[in-house]
Amino acid sequence: MGNTDWQLRVAAGDELWRLEGRENPEEVNITTSGATTATTATTATTATTATKMSHPQLVRDDEWVEPSEGLLGTAVFDATGDKATMPSWDELVRQHADRVYRLAYRLSGNQHDAEDLTQETFIRVFRSVQNYQPGTFEGWLHRITTNLFLDMVRRRARIRMEALPDDYDRVPADDPNPEQIYHDSRLGPDLQAALDSLPPEFRAAVVLCDIEGLSYEEIGATLGVKLGTVRSRIHRGRQALRDYLAAHPEHSELGSRPVGTAS
């Protein structure tokens, strides 16, 4: 896959954010431009600007800005509730972009959608951060990213179904639809292939539990579903992973390890 440099322009001090794609598309780093840049045109109803993909740009080693070791901005705000401690846009992106991108990549299974989901997540954050109530900022980001992913899959499925001819026999099927099967994974080809085979709701629950390490209660809050639904989706998702691995013996290394031992 080619160079993955991309930019997110926001109306926060007209600063420029560039997420620099590394050789592994699951890894993303952030650099900032010291010079003021022009933002894209805003609409009359929002203070944010549109996202814009940029042409690839090289980033020299001396331009790289290491994140601060004391990345506690959102944690301090969650603990105190004092809006004076709300971190700047700079700190928000530096602290959370890696986590958001990796979650988006694990959910979507491909670099392009992960980039789009990451941009959309931070646009949502920028639009509503002043209304955020202290709680768990990372959990809020999980919820935004996961819901954007599910919305994307449902939107694509709806568009595809509307494009079918009138005489098409629309028989429900449990098999993943084309939008659920993504490629070019770097989480581990065998593991990502197994995850990609899951329906999106099951995939989200399994990723949040077994990869992100969220509790059932946190997953329920993230997905907006009851605890029993969370347990059911995780159980059925794990079973589907086992079935997939059993049907694909070429993934013997992953298949030899237990699936879904976390709770």
C-alpha atoms as a PDB file:
ATOM      1  CA  MET A   1       0.000   0.000   0.000  1.00  0.00           C
ATOM      2  CA  GLY A   2       1.325   3.441  -0.829  1.00  0.00           C
ATOM      3  CA  ASN A   3       2.187   6.483   1.218  1.00  0.00           C
ATOM      4  CA  THR A   4      -0.606   7.248   3.667  1.00  0.00           C
ATOM      5  CA  ASP A   5       0.083  10.835   4.735  1.00  0.00           C
ATOM      6  CA  TRP A   6      -3.164  12.671   5.308  1.00  0.00           C
ATOM      7  CA  GLN A   7      -4.347  15.866   6.909  1.00  0.00           C
ATOM      8  CA  LEU A   8      -7.184  16.996   9.097  1.00  0.00           C
ATOM      9  CA  ARG A   9      -7.898  20.726   8.998  1.00  0.00           C
ATOM     10  CA  VAL A  10      -9.843  22.180  11.884  1.00  0.00           C
ATOM     11  CA  ALA A  11     -10.972  25.616  12.998  1.00  0.00           C
ATOM     12  CA  ALA A  12      -8.951  25.503  16.208  1.00  0.00           C
ATOM     13  CA  GLY A  13      -6.272  28.127  15.797  1.00  0.00           C
ATOM     14  CA  ASP A  14      -6.074  27.220  12.125  1.00  0.00           C
ATOM     15  CA  GLU A  15      -3.654  24.475  13.057  1.00  0.00           C
ATOM     16  CA  LEU A  16      -2.760  21.687  10.668  1.00  0.00           C
ATOM     17  CA  TRP A  17      -2.774  18.059  11.741  1.00  0.00           C
ATOM     18  CA  ARG A  18      -0.996  15.468   9.699  1.00  0.00           C
ATOM     19  CA  LEU A  19      -1.215  11.791  10.566  1.00  0.00           C
ATOM     20  CA  GLU A  20       1.844  10.272   9.044  1.00  0.00           C
ATOM     21  CA  GLY A  21       1.247   6.677   7.921  1.00  0.00           C
ATOM     22  CA  ARG A  22       4.110   4.322   8.684  1.00  0.00           C
ATOM     23  CA  GLU A  23       5.028   1.114   6.876  1.00  0.00           C
ATOM     24  CA  ASN A  24       2.586  -0.696   9.147  1.00  0.00           C
ATOM     25  CA  PRO A  25      -0.812   0.961   8.554  1.00  0.00           C
ATOM     26  CA  GLU A  26      -1.846   0.090  12.115  1.00  0.00           C
ATOM     27  CA  GLU A  27       0.734   2.580  13.391  1.00  0.00           C
ATOM     28  CA  VAL A  28       0.109   6.286  13.132  1.00  0.00           C
ATOM     29  CA  ASN A  29       2.105   9.254  14.355  1.00  0.00           C
ATOM     30  CA  ILE A  30       1.215  12.911  14.586  1.00  0.00           C
ATOM     31  CA  THR A  31       3.134  16.016  13.619  1.00  0.00           C
ATOM     32  CA  THR A  32       2.039  19.628  13.754  1.00  0.00           C
ATOM     33  CA  SER A  33       2.886  22.551  11.574  1.00  0.00           C
ATOM     34  CA  GLY A  34       4.273  25.598  13.326  1.00  0.00           C
ATOM     35  CA  ALA A  35       3.051  27.889  10.573  1.00  0.00           C
ATOM     36  CA  THR A  36      -0.533  29.018  10.408  1.00  0.00           C
ATOM     37  CA  THR A  37      -2.410  27.368   7.572  1.00  0.00           C
ATOM     38  CA  ALA A  38      -5.618  28.348   5.831  1.00  0.00           C
ATOM     39  CA  THR A  39      -8.639  26.319   6.834  1.00  0.00           C
ATOM     40  CA  THR A  40     -11.177  25.058   4.378  1.00  0.00           C
ATOM     41  CA  ALA A  41     -14.476  26.910   4.038  1.00  0.00           C
ATOM     42  CA  THR A  42     -16.935  26.561   6.906  1.00  0.00           C
ATOM     43  CA  THR A  43     -20.684  26.304   6.651  1.00  0.00           C
ATOM     44  CA  ALA A  44     -23.112  28.755   8.212  1.00  0.00           C
ATOM     45  CA  THR A  45     -24.264  26.247  10.802  1.00  0.00           C
ATOM     46  CA  THR A  46     -21.017  24.887  12.218  1.00  0.00           C
ATOM     47  CA  ALA A  47     -17.694  26.218  13.394  1.00  0.00           C
ATOM     48  CA  THR A  48     -15.788  23.223  12.119  1.00  0.00           C
ATOM     49  CA  THR A  49     -14.260  22.838   8.706  1.00  0.00           C
ATOM     50  CA  ALA A  50     -14.443  19.960   6.299  1.00  0.00           C
ATOM     51  CA  THR A  51     -11.803  17.284   6.297  1.00  0.00           C
ATOM     52  CA  LYS A  52      -9.396  17.315   3.417  1.00  0.00           C
ATOM     53  CA  MET A  53      -7.040  14.623   2.192  1.00  0.00           C
ATOM     54  CA  SER A  54      -3.638  15.948   1.266  1.00  0.00           C
ATOM     55  CA  HIS A  55      -0.985  14.917  -1.155  1.00  0.00           C
ATOM     56  CA  PRO A  56       1.801  12.878   0.455  1.00  0.00           C
ATOM     57  CA  GLN A  57       4.459  14.972   2.147  1.00  0.00           C
ATOM     58  CA  LEU A  58       7.781  13.968   3.596  1.00  0.00           C
ATOM     59  CA  VAL A  59       8.412  14.614   7.285  1.00  0.00           C
ATOM     60  CA  ARG A  60      12.031  15.043   8.302  1.00  0.00           C
ATOM     61  CA  ASP A  61      13.339  13.598  11.554  1.00  0.00           C
ATOM     62  CA  ASP A  62      14.018  17.099  12.912  1.00  0.00           C
ATOM     63  CA  GLU A  63      10.359  18.017  12.330  1.00  0.00           C
ATOM     64  CA  TRP A  64       8.999  15.158  14.423  1.00  0.00           C
ATOM     65  CA  VAL A  65       7.468  16.295  17.701  1.00  0.00           C
ATOM     66  CA  GLU A  66       7.457  13.675  20.452  1.00  0.00           C
ATOM     67  CA  PRO A  67       4.308  13.566  22.579  1.00  0.00           C
ATOM     68  CA  SER A  68       4.698  14.793  26.134  1.00  0.00           C
ATOM     69  CA  GLU A  69       5.301  12.101  28.745  1.00  0.00           C
ATOM     70  CA  GLY A  70       2.629  13.706  30.940  1.00  0.00           C
ATOM     71  CA  LEU A  71      -0.335  13.062  28.660  1.00  0.00           C
ATOM     72  CA  LEU A  72      -2.884  13.402  31.446  1.00  0.00           C
ATOM     73  CA  GLY A  73      -5.034  16.190  30.037  1.00  0.00           C
ATOM     74  CA  THR A  74      -8.322  14.352  29.606  1.00  0.00           C
ATOM     75  CA  ALA A  75      -7.702  12.231  32.707  1.00  0.00           C
ATOM     76  CA  VAL A  76      -7.270  15.399  34.787  1.00  0.00           C
ATOM     77  CA  PHE A  77     -10.504  16.826  33.397  1.00  0.00           C
ATOM     78  CA  ASP A  78     -12.360  13.574  34.062  1.00  0.00           C
ATOM     79  CA  ALA A  79     -11.100  13.569  37.650  1.00  0.00           C
ATOM     80  CA  THR A  80     -11.790  17.213  38.469  1.00  0.00           C
ATOM     81  CA  GLY A  81     -14.590  18.280  36.146  1.00  0.00           C
ATOM     82  CA  ASP A  82     -12.880  21.643  35.896  1.00  0.00           C
ATOM     83  CA  LYS A  83     -13.236  22.920  32.340  1.00  0.00           C
ATOM     84  CA  ALA A  84     -10.102  24.976  32.875  1.00  0.00           C
ATOM     85  CA  THR A  85      -8.202  21.683  32.740  1.00  0.00           C
ATOM     86  CA  MET A  86      -9.731  20.641  29.415  1.00  0.00           C
ATOM     87  CA  PRO A  87      -6.731  19.963  27.148  1.00  0.00           C
ATOM     88  CA  SER A  88      -6.132  21.865  23.959  1.00  0.00           C
ATOM     89  CA  TRP A  89      -6.936  20.422  20.549  1.00  0.00           C
ATOM     90  CA  ASP A  90      -3.210  19.751  20.209  1.00  0.00           C
ATOM     91  CA  GLU A  91      -3.197  17.632  23.366  1.00  0.00           C
ATOM     92  CA  LEU A  92      -6.413  15.819  22.469  1.00  0.00           C
ATOM     93  CA  VAL A  93      -5.079  14.668  19.124  1.00  0.00           C
ATOM     94  CA  ARG A  94      -1.615  13.828  20.437  1.00  0.00           C
ATOM     95  CA  GLN A  95      -2.990  11.813  23.325  1.00  0.00           C
ATOM     96  CA  HIS A  96      -5.709   9.853  21.582  1.00  0.00           C
ATOM     97  CA  ALA A  97      -5.053   9.634  17.818  1.00  0.00           C
ATOM     98  CA  ASP A  98      -3.059   6.390  18.024  1.00  0.00           C
ATOM     99  CA  ARG A  99      -5.772   4.642  20.031  1.00  0.00           C
ATOM    100  CA  VAL A 100      -8.588   5.879  17.794  1.00  0.00           C
ATOM    101  CA  TYR A 101      -6.777   4.885  14.597  1.00  0.00           C
ATOM    102  CA  ARG A 102      -5.921   1.387  15.851  1.00  0.00           C
ATOM    103  CA  LEU A 103      -9.503   0.755  16.942  1.00  0.00           C
ATOM    104  CA  ALA A 104     -10.784   2.043  13.596  1.00  0.00           C
ATOM    105  CA  TYR A 105      -8.326  -0.205  11.766  1.00  0.00           C
ATOM    106  CA  ARG A 106      -9.286  -3.292  13.741  1.00  0.00           C
ATOM    107  CA  LEU A 107     -12.963  -2.635  13.130  1.00  0.00           C
ATOM    108  CA  SER A 108     -12.743  -1.793   9.432  1.00  0.00           C
ATOM    109  CA  GLY A 109      -9.804  -4.009   8.483  1.00  0.00           C
ATOM    110  CA  ASN A 110      -8.399  -1.577   5.933  1.00  0.00           C
ATOM    111  CA  GLN A 111      -6.339   1.566   5.950  1.00  0.00           C
ATOM    112  CA  HIS A 112      -8.606   3.848   3.912  1.00  0.00           C
ATOM    113  CA  ASP A 113     -11.673   3.340   6.093  1.00  0.00           C
ATOM    114  CA  ALA A 114      -9.552   3.585   9.264  1.00  0.00           C
ATOM    115  CA  GLU A 115      -8.278   6.989   8.147  1.00  0.00           C
ATOM    116  CA  ASP A 116     -11.796   8.196   7.351  1.00  0.00           C
ATOM    117  CA  LEU A 117     -13.161   6.927  10.661  1.00  0.00           C
ATOM    118  CA  THR A 118     -10.336   8.596  12.593  1.00  0.00           C
ATOM    119  CA  GLN A 119     -10.978  11.923  10.913  1.00  0.00           C
ATOM    120  CA  GLU A 120     -14.726  11.680  11.488  1.00  0.00           C
ATOM    121  CA  THR A 121     -14.168  10.768  15.142  1.00  0.00           C
ATOM    122  CA  PHE A 122     -12.070  13.843  15.830  1.00  0.00           C
ATOM    123  CA  ILE A 123     -14.509  16.054  13.942  1.00  0.00           C
ATOM    124  CA  ARG A 124     -17.256  14.756  16.248  1.00  0.00           C
ATOM    125  CA  VAL A 125     -15.006  15.356  19.259  1.00  0.00           C
ATOM    126  CA  PHE A 126     -14.199  18.886  18.127  1.00  0.00           C
ATOM    127  CA  ARG A 127     -17.858  19.721  17.616  1.00  0.00           C
ATOM    128  CA  SER A 128     -19.012  18.452  20.994  1.00  0.00           C
ATOM    129  CA  VAL A 129     -16.011  18.590  23.345  1.00  0.00           C
ATOM    130  CA  GLN A 130     -17.309  21.712  25.103  1.00  0.00           C
ATOM    131  CA  ASN A 131     -20.446  19.764  26.035  1.00  0.00           C
ATOM    132  CA  TYR A 132     -18.539  16.685  27.204  1.00  0.00           C
ATOM    133  CA  GLN A 133     -19.315  15.749  30.793  1.00  0.00           C
ATOM    134  CA  PRO A 134     -16.500  14.302  32.928  1.00  0.00           C
ATOM    135  CA  GLY A 135     -16.512  10.538  32.879  1.00  0.00           C
ATOM    136  CA  THR A 136     -14.199   8.384  30.795  1.00  0.00           C
ATOM    137  CA  PHE A 137     -12.848  10.243  27.796  1.00  0.00           C
ATOM    138  CA  GLU A 138     -11.383   7.109  26.224  1.00  0.00           C
ATOM    139  CA  GLY A 139     -14.736   5.390  26.589  1.00  0.00           C
ATOM    140  CA  TRP A 140     -16.361   8.328  24.826  1.00  0.00           C
ATOM    141  CA  LEU A 141     -13.887   7.971  21.961  1.00  0.00           C
ATOM    142  CA  HIS A 142     -14.557   4.218  21.798  1.00  0.00           C
ATOM    143  CA  ARG A 143     -18.276   4.916  21.526  1.00  0.00           C
ATOM    144  CA  ILE A 144     -17.910   7.552  18.804  1.00  0.00           C
ATOM    145  CA  THR A 145     -15.502   5.450  16.715  1.00  0.00           C
ATOM    146  CA  THR A 146     -17.524   2.247  17.019  1.00  0.00           C
ATOM    147  CA  ASN A 147     -20.831   3.925  16.212  1.00  0.00           C
ATOM    148  CA  LEU A 148     -19.322   5.651  13.180  1.00  0.00           C
ATOM    149  CA  PHE A 149     -18.073   2.266  11.961  1.00  0.00           C
ATOM    150  CA  LEU A 150     -21.484   0.635  12.405  1.00  0.00           C
ATOM    151  CA  ASP A 151     -23.161   3.580  10.676  1.00  0.00           C
ATOM    152  CA  MET A 152     -20.735   3.244   7.768  1.00  0.00           C
ATOM    153  CA  VAL A 153     -21.459  -0.469   7.335  1.00  0.00           C
ATOM    154  CA  ARG A 154     -25.226   0.005   7.542  1.00  0.00           C
ATOM    155  CA  ARG A 155     -25.121   2.894   5.082  1.00  0.00           C
ATOM    156  CA  ARG A 156     -23.147   0.858   2.560  1.00  0.00           C
ATOM    157  CA  ALA A 157     -25.445  -2.127   2.980  1.00  0.00           C
ATOM    158  CA  ARG A 158     -28.498   0.082   2.428  1.00  0.00           C
ATOM    159  CA  ILE A 159     -27.008   1.650  -0.692  1.00  0.00           C
ATOM    160  CA  ARG A 160     -26.149  -1.783  -2.064  1.00  0.00           C
ATOM    161  CA  MET A 161     -29.637  -3.162  -1.425  1.00  0.00           C
ATOM    162  CA  GLU A 162     -31.299  -0.122  -3.012  1.00  0.00           C
ATOM    163  CA  ALA A 163     -29.193  -0.655  -6.116  1.00  0.00           C
ATOM    164  CA  LEU A 164     -30.403  -4.244  -6.595  1.00  0.00           C
ATOM    165  CA  PRO A 165     -32.918  -4.963  -9.383  1.00  0.00           C
ATOM    166  CA  ASP A 166     -36.583  -5.214  -8.384  1.00  0.00           C
ATOM    167  CA  ASP A 167     -36.726  -8.928  -9.163  1.00  0.00           C
ATOM    168  CA  TYR A 168     -33.743  -9.745  -6.933  1.00  0.00           C
ATOM    169  CA  ASP A 169     -34.637 -12.361  -4.326  1.00  0.00           C
ATOM    170  CA  ARG A 170     -33.740 -10.636  -1.068  1.00  0.00           C
ATOM    171  CA  VAL A 171     -33.294 -13.650   1.188  1.00  0.00           C
ATOM    172  CA  PRO A 172     -31.717 -12.886   4.590  1.00  0.00           C
ATOM    173  CA  ALA A 173     -28.386 -14.582   5.108  1.00  0.00           C
ATOM    174  CA  ASP A 174     -26.048 -14.981   8.055  1.00  0.00           C
ATOM    175  CA  ASP A 175     -22.971 -14.755   5.852  1.00  0.00           C
ATOM    176  CA  PRO A 176     -20.983 -11.500   5.953  1.00  0.00           C
ATOM    177  CA  ASN A 177     -21.872  -9.089   3.172  1.00  0.00           C
ATOM    178  CA  PRO A 178     -19.140  -7.600   0.963  1.00  0.00           C
ATOM    179  CA  GLU A 179     -18.851  -4.497   3.119  1.00  0.00           C
ATOM    180  CA  GLN A 180     -18.064  -6.702   6.115  1.00  0.00           C
ATOM    181  CA  ILE A 181     -15.157  -8.434   4.423  1.00  0.00           C
ATOM    182  CA  TYR A 182     -12.127  -6.163   4.387  1.00  0.00           C
ATOM    183  CA  HIS A 183      -8.597  -6.936   3.331  1.00  0.00           C
ATOM    184  CA  ASP A 184      -5.002  -5.743   3.704  1.00  0.00           C
ATOM    185  CA  SER A 185      -4.871  -6.336   7.448  1.00  0.00           C
ATOM    186  CA  ARG A 186      -1.754  -5.851   9.509  1.00  0.00           C
ATOM    187  CA  LEU A 187      -3.200  -6.934  12.851  1.00  0.00           C
ATOM    188  CA  GLY A 188      -2.131 -10.418  11.771  1.00  0.00           C
ATOM    189  CA  PRO A 189      -3.588 -11.765   8.524  1.00  0.00           C
ATOM    190  CA  ASP A 190      -5.187 -14.787  10.150  1.00  0.00           C
ATOM    191  CA  LEU A 191      -6.739 -12.926  13.064  1.00  0.00           C
ATOM    192  CA  GLN A 192      -8.006 -10.032  10.963  1.00  0.00           C
ATOM    193  CA  ALA A 193      -9.440 -12.427   8.374  1.00  0.00           C
ATOM    194  CA  ALA A 194     -11.360 -14.181  11.131  1.00  0.00           C
ATOM    195  CA  LEU A 195     -12.593 -10.865  12.530  1.00  0.00           C
ATOM    196  CA  ASP A 196     -13.578  -9.658   9.079  1.00  0.00           C
ATOM    197  CA  SER A 197     -15.838 -12.687   8.681  1.00  0.00           C
ATOM    198  CA  LEU A 198     -18.019 -11.551  11.598  1.00  0.00           C
ATOM    199  CA  PRO A 199     -21.140  -9.407  11.250  1.00  0.00           C
ATOM    200  CA  PRO A 200     -20.227  -5.856  12.290  1.00  0.00           C
ATOM    201  CA  GLU A 201     -22.121  -5.891  15.613  1.00  0.00           C
ATOM    202  CA  PHE A 202     -20.358  -9.100  16.689  1.00  0.00           C
ATOM    203  CA  ARG A 203     -17.016  -7.828  15.422  1.00  0.00           C
ATOM    204  CA  ALA A 204     -17.338  -4.612  17.403  1.00  0.00           C
ATOM    205  CA  ALA A 205     -18.181  -6.486  20.612  1.00  0.00           C
ATOM    206  CA  VAL A 206     -15.310  -8.962  20.224  1.00  0.00           C
ATOM    207  CA  VAL A 207     -12.771  -6.265  19.315  1.00  0.00           C
ATOM    208  CA  LEU A 208     -13.786  -4.080  22.254  1.00  0.00           C
ATOM    209  CA  CYS A 209     -13.643  -7.023  24.672  1.00  0.00           C
ATOM    210  CA  ASP A 210     -10.796  -9.260  23.549  1.00  0.00           C
ATOM    211  CA  ILE A 211      -8.513  -6.692  21.902  1.00  0.00           C
ATOM    212  CA  GLU A 212      -9.294  -3.370  23.581  1.00  0.00           C
ATOM    213  CA  GLY A 213      -9.882  -4.995  26.970  1.00  0.00           C
ATOM    214  CA  LEU A 214     -13.157  -3.254  27.852  1.00  0.00           C
ATOM    215  CA  SER A 215     -15.481  -4.765  30.436  1.00  0.00           C
ATOM    216  CA  TYR A 216     -18.959  -5.942  29.503  1.00  0.00           C
ATOM    217  CA  GLU A 217     -20.402  -2.882  31.223  1.00  0.00           C
ATOM    218  CA  GLU A 218     -18.123  -0.552  29.240  1.00  0.00           C
ATOM    219  CA  ILE A 219     -19.009  -2.306  25.992  1.00  0.00           C
ATOM    220  CA  GLY A 220     -22.701  -1.962  26.779  1.00  0.00           C
ATOM    221  CA  ALA A 221     -22.240   1.775  27.319  1.00  0.00           C
ATOM    222  CA  THR A 222     -20.185   2.081  24.144  1.00  0.00           C
ATOM    223  CA  LEU A 223     -22.658   0.232  21.925  1.00  0.00           C
ATOM    224  CA  GLY A 224     -25.776   1.438  23.707  1.00  0.00           C
ATOM    225  CA  VAL A 225     -27.077  -2.081  24.353  1.00  0.00           C
ATOM    226  CA  LYS A 226     -28.023  -4.100  27.418  1.00  0.00           C
ATOM    227  CA  LEU A 227     -25.548  -6.310  29.264  1.00  0.00           C
ATOM    228  CA  GLY A 228     -27.305  -9.465  28.083  1.00  0.00           C
ATOM    229  CA  THR A 229     -26.940  -8.327  24.474  1.00  0.00           C
ATOM    230  CA  VAL A 230     -23.229  -7.705  25.026  1.00  0.00           C
ATOM    231  CA  ARG A 231     -22.741 -11.202  26.434  1.00  0.00           C
ATOM    232  CA  SER A 232     -24.703 -12.734  23.570  1.00  0.00           C
ATOM    233  CA  ARG A 233     -22.755 -10.882  20.877  1.00  0.00           C
ATOM    234  CA  ILE A 234     -19.402 -11.750  22.414  1.00  0.00           C
ATOM    235  CA  HIS A 235     -20.373 -15.403  22.873  1.00  0.00           C
ATOM    236  CA  ARG A 236     -21.716 -15.736  19.334  1.00  0.00           C
ATOM    237  CA  GLY A 237     -18.812 -13.765  17.898  1.00  0.00           C
ATOM    238  CA  ARG A 238     -16.244 -15.977  19.609  1.00  0.00           C
ATOM    239  CA  GLN A 239     -18.063 -19.098  18.439  1.00  0.00           C
ATOM    240  CA  ALA A 240     -18.101 -17.747  14.890  1.00  0.00           C
ATOM    241  CA  LEU A 241     -14.348 -17.145  15.138  1.00  0.00           C
ATOM    242  CA  ARG A 242     -13.820 -20.751  16.234  1.00  0.00           C
ATOM    243  CA  ASP A 243     -15.992 -21.992  13.369  1.00  0.00           C
ATOM    244  CA  TYR A 244     -14.073 -19.846  10.889  1.00  0.00           C
ATOM    245  CA  LEU A 245     -10.720 -21.125  12.127  1.00  0.00           C
ATOM    246  CA  ALA A 246     -11.938 -24.729  12.049  1.00  0.00           C
ATOM    247  CA  ALA A 247     -13.032 -24.242   8.436  1.00  0.00           C
ATOM    248  CA  HIS A 248      -9.699 -22.640   7.497  1.00  0.00           C
ATOM    249  CA  PRO A 249      -6.949 -24.998   8.699  1.00  0.00           C
ATOM    250  CA  GLU A 250      -4.367 -22.880   6.894  1.00  0.00           C
ATOM    251  CA  HIS A 251      -4.628 -20.585   9.914  1.00  0.00           C
ATOM    252  CA  SER A 252      -3.253 -23.362  12.085  1.00  0.00           C
ATOM    253  CA  GLU A 253      -1.091 -21.098  14.275  1.00  0.00           C
ATOM    254  CA  LEU A 254      -4.036 -18.994  15.384  1.00  0.00           C
ATOM    255  CA  GLY A 255      -6.362 -21.969  15.419  1.00  0.00           C
ATOM    256  CA  SER A 256      -4.135 -23.768  17.911  1.00  0.00           C
ATOM    257  CA  ARG A 257      -4.720 -21.016  20.497  1.00  0.00           C
ATOM    258  CA  PRO A 258      -7.968 -20.610  22.419  1.00  0.00           C
ATOM    259  CA  VAL A 259     -10.237 -17.865  21.144  1.00  0.00           C
ATOM    260  CA  GLY A 260     -12.031 -15.483  23.456  1.00  0.00           C
ATOM    261  CA  THR A 261     -10.628 -16.474  26.805  1.00  0.00           C
ATOM    262  CA  ALA A 262     -10.944 -12.916  28.100  1.00  0.00           C
ATOM    263  CA  SER A 263     -14.092 -11.853  29.918  1.00  0.00           C
END
